[in-house]
Amino acid sequence: MGFKRSKPLIYMLVVSILAFAAPAAAHAEPSYAKYGRIAMQEVANQYPDADIIDYKYEGHFAAGTRNEERFRLWLRGAGSEFGVRVHIFVAADSGQVRDVQLEEIRS
């Protein structure tokens, strides 16, 4: 009879622990966040009069000794909107940024 009474208590305890643990995992920073900050800084430096209004991570591309992290940012400035694709080339072994290239996308 004692076990039946403690069963709801154990259930509530487990649910409480999971409720507090889940938000911590949800706020973990994605692996590409470091490179996303670099992409936004490079675009802000290149286009100082434009505002970044949207951001998309396009993916990780492995190529031998270097990897590429690719982002697309959408900007608004001087009465127009346009995109900029950012290619960040990273050393595969160290994760160190080797090159950053910007490519304007006009539609």
Protein backbone atom coordinates (compact mmCIF):
# COMPACT_ATOMS: atom_id res chain seq x y z
CA MET A 1 0.00 0.00 0.00
CA GLY A 2 2.90 2.37 0.67
CA PHE A 3 4.29 1.87 -2.86
CA LYS A 4 0.97 2.82 -4.48
CA ARG A 5 0.90 6.07 -2.52
CA SER A 6 4.47 7.00 -3.43
CA LYS A 7 4.01 6.25 -7.14
CA PRO A 8 2.34 9.63 -7.92
CA LEU A 9 4.99 11.39 -5.86
CA ILE A 10 7.81 9.71 -7.82
CA TYR A 11 6.05 10.57 -11.11
CA MET A 12 5.73 14.24 -10.09
CA LEU A 13 9.39 14.33 -9.04
CA VAL A 14 10.56 12.91 -12.40
CA VAL A 15 8.35 15.32 -14.36
CA SER A 16 9.70 18.25 -12.30
CA ILE A 17 13.31 17.29 -12.95
CA LEU A 18 12.68 16.91 -16.68
CA ALA A 19 10.85 20.23 -16.82
CA PHE A 20 13.87 22.04 -15.40
CA ALA A 21 16.45 20.08 -17.44
CA ALA A 22 14.76 20.54 -20.83
CA PRO A 23 15.17 24.35 -21.08
CA ALA A 24 18.91 24.06 -20.45
CA ALA A 25 19.27 21.73 -23.42
CA ALA A 26 17.03 23.93 -25.57
CA HIS A 27 19.34 26.92 -25.07
CA ALA A 28 22.52 25.13 -26.12
CA GLU A 29 24.38 27.10 -28.77
CA PRO A 30 24.52 25.41 -32.21
CA SER A 31 27.94 24.39 -33.53
CA TYR A 32 27.84 27.01 -36.29
CA ALA A 33 27.04 29.98 -34.00
CA LYS A 34 30.68 31.09 -33.78
CA TYR A 35 30.89 31.31 -37.56
CA GLY A 36 27.48 33.00 -37.77
CA ARG A 37 28.80 35.84 -35.64
CA ILE A 38 31.80 36.15 -37.95
CA ALA A 39 29.50 36.20 -41.00
CA MET A 40 27.36 38.97 -39.53
CA GLN A 41 30.42 41.02 -38.54
CA GLU A 42 31.98 40.72 -42.01
CA VAL A 43 28.72 41.77 -43.69
CA ALA A 44 28.28 44.68 -41.27
CA ASN A 45 31.83 45.85 -42.08
CA GLN A 46 31.29 45.55 -45.85
CA TYR A 47 27.81 47.16 -45.84
CA PRO A 48 27.87 49.70 -42.97
CA ASP A 49 24.79 51.59 -44.22
CA ALA A 50 22.57 48.50 -44.48
CA ASP A 51 20.67 46.65 -41.76
CA ILE A 52 20.73 42.86 -41.50
CA ILE A 53 17.08 41.85 -41.45
CA ASP A 54 17.32 38.08 -41.88
CA TYR A 55 19.85 35.30 -41.40
CA LYS A 56 19.99 31.70 -42.57
CA TYR A 57 22.54 28.97 -42.01
CA GLU A 58 22.89 27.11 -45.31
CA GLY A 59 25.09 24.33 -44.03
CA HIS A 60 28.47 22.74 -43.44
CA PHE A 61 30.42 21.48 -46.44
CA ALA A 62 33.50 19.30 -45.96
CA ALA A 63 36.24 19.48 -48.60
CA GLY A 64 39.51 17.77 -47.72
CA THR A 65 41.66 19.81 -45.36
CA ARG A 66 39.19 22.68 -45.13
CA ASN A 67 35.51 22.95 -44.39
CA GLU A 68 33.04 25.58 -45.41
CA GLU A 69 30.31 27.10 -43.28
CA ARG A 70 27.80 28.92 -45.47
CA PHE A 71 25.29 31.60 -44.48
CA ARG A 72 22.83 33.82 -46.32
CA LEU A 73 22.01 37.21 -44.85
CA TRP A 74 19.31 39.53 -46.14
CA LEU A 75 19.98 43.26 -45.91
CA ARG A 76 17.94 46.43 -46.27
CA GLY A 77 19.60 49.70 -47.14
CA ALA A 78 19.42 52.67 -49.52
CA GLY A 79 15.83 51.86 -50.44
CA SER A 80 16.46 48.27 -51.53
CA GLU A 81 16.77 44.76 -50.17
CA PHE A 82 19.39 42.26 -51.21
CA GLY A 83 21.09 39.12 -50.04
CA VAL A 84 24.69 38.34 -49.26
CA ARG A 85 25.98 34.77 -49.19
CA VAL A 86 28.92 34.36 -46.83
CA HIS A 87 31.41 31.53 -47.34
CA ILE A 88 33.62 30.93 -44.31
CA PHE A 89 36.48 28.54 -44.98
CA VAL A 90 37.81 26.79 -41.91
CA ALA A 91 40.80 24.49 -41.34
CA ALA A 92 39.36 21.01 -40.80
CA ASP A 93 41.87 20.05 -38.12
CA SER A 94 41.89 23.21 -35.98
CA GLY A 95 38.60 24.98 -36.74
CA GLN A 96 40.55 28.17 -37.43
CA VAL A 97 39.06 30.56 -40.01
CA ARG A 98 41.22 30.67 -43.15
CA ASP A 99 39.17 32.85 -45.51
CA VAL A 100 35.84 34.68 -45.70
CA GLN A 101 34.18 35.46 -49.04
CA LEU A 102 31.06 37.54 -49.63
CA GLU A 103 28.80 37.09 -52.64
CA GLU A 104 25.99 39.57 -53.32
CA ILE A 105 22.63 38.13 -54.33
CA ARG A 106 20.38 40.53 -56.23
CA SER A 107 16.93 39.44 -57.36
